[in-house]
């Protein structure tokens, strides 16, 4: 489990990036790179890290399910993810 402070900081970065998304797009379209540098650093969407919604783990993240590989496997084995079954051949 990731530290709670790290998870909360990432959520704060997501909110900041969403708040400034429209302004960033406008400044980029105008080519005003000086204006872009005046924005907060966390306004850039590249500062947001994809993390598991359950555990906060960032490595082994599956974008389609918004889960880490470990959490995905546990939920899939329990049958909690619709349409996902263990393969056998």
N, C-alpha and C. Protein backbone atom coordinates (compact mmCIF):
# COMPACT_ATOMS: atom_id res chain seq x y z
N UNK A 1 0.85 -1.18 0.00
CA UNK A 1 0.00 0.00 0.00
C UNK A 1 0.88 1.23 0.00
N UNK A 2 0.58 2.14 -0.87
CA UNK A 2 1.33 3.39 -0.95
C UNK A 2 1.01 4.26 0.26
N UNK A 3 1.90 5.18 0.56
CA UNK A 3 1.67 6.09 1.67
C UNK A 3 0.48 6.98 1.37
N UNK A 4 -0.31 7.25 2.39
CA UNK A 4 -1.50 8.09 2.22
C UNK A 4 -1.15 9.48 1.73
N UNK A 5 -0.01 10.01 2.20
CA UNK A 5 0.40 11.35 1.77
C UNK A 5 0.71 11.38 0.28
N UNK A 6 1.29 10.31 -0.23
CA UNK A 6 1.62 10.24 -1.65
C UNK A 6 0.35 10.17 -2.48
N UNK A 7 -0.63 9.38 -2.02
CA UNK A 7 -1.90 9.26 -2.74
C UNK A 7 -2.63 10.60 -2.76
N UNK A 8 -2.65 11.28 -1.62
CA UNK A 8 -3.33 12.57 -1.54
C UNK A 8 -2.64 13.63 -2.40
N UNK A 9 -1.31 13.60 -2.43
CA UNK A 9 -0.57 14.56 -3.26
C UNK A 9 -0.88 14.34 -4.73
N UNK A 10 -1.00 13.08 -5.14
CA UNK A 10 -1.32 12.79 -6.53
C UNK A 10 -2.74 13.25 -6.88
N UNK A 11 -3.67 13.09 -5.93
CA UNK A 11 -5.04 13.57 -6.16
C UNK A 11 -5.06 15.09 -6.30
N UNK A 12 -4.26 15.75 -5.49
CA UNK A 12 -4.16 17.21 -5.56
C UNK A 12 -3.59 17.64 -6.91
N UNK A 13 -2.59 16.91 -7.40
CA UNK A 13 -2.01 17.20 -8.72
C UNK A 13 -3.03 17.00 -9.83
N UNK A 14 -3.87 15.97 -9.70
CA UNK A 14 -4.91 15.74 -10.70
C UNK A 14 -5.89 16.90 -10.74
N UNK A 15 -6.27 17.37 -9.56
CA UNK A 15 -7.22 18.49 -9.49
C UNK A 15 -6.61 19.76 -10.08
N UNK A 16 -5.34 20.01 -9.79
CA UNK A 16 -4.67 21.20 -10.31
C UNK A 16 -4.55 21.13 -11.83
N UNK A 17 -4.19 19.95 -12.35
CA UNK A 17 -4.07 19.79 -13.80
C UNK A 17 -5.42 20.00 -14.48
N UNK A 18 -6.48 19.50 -13.88
CA UNK A 18 -7.81 19.67 -14.46
C UNK A 18 -8.25 21.13 -14.42
N UNK A 19 -7.90 21.83 -13.34
CA UNK A 19 -8.30 23.23 -13.20
C UNK A 19 -7.63 24.11 -14.25
N UNK A 20 -6.38 23.83 -14.58
CA UNK A 20 -5.63 24.66 -15.52
C UNK A 20 -5.63 24.12 -16.95
N UNK A 21 -6.34 23.03 -17.23
CA UNK A 21 -6.29 22.40 -18.55
C UNK A 21 -6.75 23.34 -19.66
N UNK A 22 -7.83 24.04 -19.42
CA UNK A 22 -8.36 24.94 -20.46
C UNK A 22 -7.42 26.11 -20.73
N UNK A 23 -6.88 26.68 -19.67
CA UNK A 23 -5.95 27.80 -19.82
C UNK A 23 -4.67 27.35 -20.52
N UNK A 24 -4.16 26.16 -20.15
CA UNK A 24 -2.95 25.63 -20.80
C UNK A 24 -3.17 25.43 -22.30
N UNK A 25 -4.34 24.89 -22.65
CA UNK A 25 -4.64 24.67 -24.07
C UNK A 25 -4.69 25.99 -24.83
N UNK A 26 -5.27 27.00 -24.20
CA UNK A 26 -5.37 28.31 -24.84
C UNK A 26 -3.98 28.91 -25.04
N UNK A 27 -3.13 28.84 -24.01
CA UNK A 27 -1.79 29.39 -24.11
C UNK A 27 -0.94 28.65 -25.14
N UNK A 28 -1.11 27.34 -25.21
CA UNK A 28 -0.36 26.56 -26.21
C UNK A 28 -0.79 26.91 -27.62
N UNK A 29 -2.11 27.10 -27.80
CA UNK A 29 -2.61 27.44 -29.13
C UNK A 29 -2.08 28.80 -29.59
N UNK A 30 -1.94 29.73 -28.65
CA UNK A 30 -1.41 31.05 -28.97
C UNK A 30 0.11 31.05 -29.11
N UNK A 31 0.75 30.02 -28.62
CA UNK A 31 2.21 29.96 -28.65
C UNK A 31 2.86 30.79 -27.57
N UNK A 32 2.11 31.07 -26.51
CA UNK A 32 2.61 31.90 -25.39
C UNK A 32 3.31 31.00 -24.37
N UNK A 33 4.58 30.69 -24.66
CA UNK A 33 5.31 29.79 -23.78
C UNK A 33 5.79 30.49 -22.51
N UNK A 34 5.90 31.80 -22.54
CA UNK A 34 6.23 32.54 -21.32
C UNK A 34 5.06 32.45 -20.34
N UNK A 35 3.85 32.55 -20.86
CA UNK A 35 2.66 32.41 -20.03
C UNK A 35 2.54 31.02 -19.43
N UNK A 36 2.96 30.02 -20.20
CA UNK A 36 2.93 28.64 -19.69
C UNK A 36 3.89 28.46 -18.52
N UNK A 37 5.04 29.14 -18.59
CA UNK A 37 6.00 29.01 -17.49
C UNK A 37 5.52 29.70 -16.23
N UNK A 38 4.57 30.63 -16.36
CA UNK A 38 4.04 31.33 -15.20
C UNK A 38 3.02 30.49 -14.43
N UNK A 39 2.50 29.45 -15.07
CA UNK A 39 1.54 28.58 -14.40
C UNK A 39 2.25 27.73 -13.34
N UNK A 40 1.50 27.20 -12.38
CA UNK A 40 2.12 26.31 -11.39
C UNK A 40 2.69 25.06 -12.05
N UNK A 41 3.70 24.51 -11.45
CA UNK A 41 4.36 23.34 -12.01
C UNK A 41 3.41 22.14 -12.08
N UNK A 42 2.55 22.00 -11.09
CA UNK A 42 1.63 20.87 -11.06
C UNK A 42 0.45 21.03 -12.00
N UNK A 43 0.39 22.14 -12.74
CA UNK A 43 -0.68 22.33 -13.71
C UNK A 43 -0.45 21.48 -14.96
N UNK A 44 0.75 20.96 -15.11
CA UNK A 44 1.06 20.12 -16.25
C UNK A 44 0.51 18.71 -16.03
N UNK A 45 -0.21 18.15 -17.01
CA UNK A 45 -0.77 16.81 -16.82
C UNK A 45 0.29 15.71 -16.75
N UNK A 46 1.52 15.99 -17.19
CA UNK A 46 2.55 14.97 -17.11
C UNK A 46 3.04 14.75 -15.69
N UNK A 47 2.68 15.65 -14.76
CA UNK A 47 3.07 15.49 -13.37
C UNK A 47 2.17 14.49 -12.63
N UNK A 48 1.02 14.17 -13.23
CA UNK A 48 0.09 13.23 -12.62
C UNK A 48 0.55 11.81 -12.95
N UNK A 49 0.55 10.95 -11.95
CA UNK A 49 1.01 9.57 -12.11
C UNK A 49 -0.19 8.64 -12.05
N UNK A 50 -0.24 7.66 -12.95
CA UNK A 50 -1.31 6.66 -12.92
C UNK A 50 -1.06 5.70 -11.77
N UNK A 51 -2.03 5.59 -10.88
CA UNK A 51 -1.90 4.70 -9.73
C UNK A 51 -3.18 3.91 -9.54
N UNK A 52 -3.04 2.76 -8.90
CA UNK A 52 -4.16 1.88 -8.60
C UNK A 52 -5.15 2.60 -7.69
N UNK A 53 -6.43 2.45 -8.00
CA UNK A 53 -7.46 3.08 -7.19
C UNK A 53 -7.64 2.44 -5.83
N UNK A 54 -7.28 1.17 -5.70
CA UNK A 54 -7.45 0.48 -4.42
C UNK A 54 -6.23 0.59 -3.53
N UNK A 55 -5.07 0.30 -4.09
CA UNK A 55 -3.87 0.21 -3.26
C UNK A 55 -2.93 1.40 -3.39
N UNK A 56 -3.05 2.16 -4.46
CA UNK A 56 -2.15 3.28 -4.67
C UNK A 56 -0.85 2.89 -5.34
N UNK A 57 -0.72 1.62 -5.71
CA UNK A 57 0.49 1.14 -6.36
C UNK A 57 0.59 1.71 -7.78
N UNK A 58 1.77 2.19 -8.15
CA UNK A 58 1.95 2.82 -9.47
C UNK A 58 2.56 1.87 -10.50
N UNK A 59 3.36 0.93 -10.05
CA UNK A 59 3.99 0.00 -10.98
C UNK A 59 3.00 -1.12 -11.31
N UNK A 60 3.05 -1.60 -12.53
CA UNK A 60 2.16 -2.67 -12.96
C UNK A 60 0.72 -2.19 -13.05
N UNK A 61 0.52 -0.97 -13.54
CA UNK A 61 -0.80 -0.35 -13.61
C UNK A 61 -1.47 -0.73 -14.93
N UNK A 62 -2.73 -1.17 -14.87
CA UNK A 62 -3.50 -1.50 -16.06
C UNK A 62 -4.48 -0.35 -16.32
N UNK A 63 -4.25 0.39 -17.39
CA UNK A 63 -5.04 1.59 -17.66
C UNK A 63 -6.52 1.28 -17.88
N UNK A 64 -6.80 0.18 -18.53
CA UNK A 64 -8.19 -0.14 -18.86
C UNK A 64 -9.05 -0.32 -17.61
N UNK A 65 -8.45 -0.85 -16.55
CA UNK A 65 -9.21 -1.13 -15.33
C UNK A 65 -8.88 -0.18 -14.19
N UNK A 66 -7.88 0.67 -14.35
CA UNK A 66 -7.44 1.60 -13.31
C UNK A 66 -7.03 0.86 -12.04
N UNK A 67 -6.38 -0.29 -12.22
CA UNK A 67 -5.94 -1.12 -11.10
C UNK A 67 -4.52 -1.58 -11.35
N UNK A 68 -3.84 -1.95 -10.27
CA UNK A 68 -2.53 -2.56 -10.41
C UNK A 68 -2.73 -4.03 -10.78
N UNK A 69 -1.68 -4.66 -11.24
CA UNK A 69 -1.79 -6.05 -11.68
C UNK A 69 -2.18 -6.97 -10.52
N UNK A 70 -1.73 -6.64 -9.32
CA UNK A 70 -2.01 -7.48 -8.16
C UNK A 70 -3.47 -7.36 -7.76
N UNK A 71 -3.97 -6.13 -7.68
CA UNK A 71 -5.37 -5.91 -7.33
C UNK A 71 -6.29 -6.48 -8.41
N UNK A 72 -5.88 -6.34 -9.67
CA UNK A 72 -6.67 -6.87 -10.78
C UNK A 72 -6.80 -8.38 -10.66
N UNK A 73 -5.70 -9.05 -10.37
CA UNK A 73 -5.73 -10.52 -10.28
C UNK A 73 -6.62 -10.99 -9.13
N UNK A 74 -6.51 -10.31 -7.99
CA UNK A 74 -7.34 -10.69 -6.84
C UNK A 74 -8.82 -10.53 -7.15
N UNK A 75 -9.19 -9.39 -7.74
CA UNK A 75 -10.59 -9.15 -8.06
C UNK A 75 -11.09 -10.06 -9.17
N UNK A 76 -10.24 -10.36 -10.15
CA UNK A 76 -10.64 -11.25 -11.24
C UNK A 76 -10.86 -12.67 -10.73
N UNK A 77 -10.01 -13.15 -9.83
CA UNK A 77 -10.17 -14.49 -9.28
C UNK A 77 -11.43 -14.60 -8.42
N UNK A 78 -11.84 -13.51 -7.81
CA UNK A 78 -13.07 -13.50 -7.01
C UNK A 78 -14.31 -13.32 -7.87
N UNK A 79 -14.11 -13.00 -9.16
CA UNK A 79 -15.23 -12.79 -10.07
C UNK A 79 -15.86 -11.42 -9.93
N UNK A 80 -15.12 -10.46 -9.41
CA UNK A 80 -15.66 -9.13 -9.17
C UNK A 80 -15.57 -8.22 -10.40
N UNK A 81 -14.80 -8.60 -11.41
CA UNK A 81 -14.67 -7.79 -12.63
C UNK A 81 -15.48 -8.47 -13.73
N UNK A 82 -16.54 -7.83 -14.20
CA UNK A 82 -17.40 -8.47 -15.21
C UNK A 82 -16.66 -8.70 -16.52
N UNK A 83 -16.88 -9.87 -17.11
CA UNK A 83 -16.31 -10.19 -18.41
C UNK A 83 -14.88 -10.70 -18.35
N UNK A 84 -14.30 -10.81 -17.17
CA UNK A 84 -12.91 -11.28 -17.05
C UNK A 84 -12.93 -12.66 -16.40
N UNK A 85 -12.34 -13.63 -17.11
CA UNK A 85 -12.25 -14.98 -16.56
C UNK A 85 -10.83 -15.47 -16.70
N UNK A 86 -10.47 -16.42 -15.87
CA UNK A 86 -9.14 -17.00 -15.95
C UNK A 86 -9.06 -17.86 -17.20
N UNK A 87 -7.98 -17.67 -17.96
CA UNK A 87 -7.87 -18.42 -19.22
C UNK A 87 -7.44 -19.85 -18.95
N UNK A 88 -7.92 -20.74 -19.79
CA UNK A 88 -7.49 -22.14 -19.73
C UNK A 88 -7.58 -22.71 -21.13
N UNK A 89 -6.60 -23.52 -21.50
CA UNK A 89 -6.60 -24.12 -22.83
C UNK A 89 -5.99 -25.48 -22.80
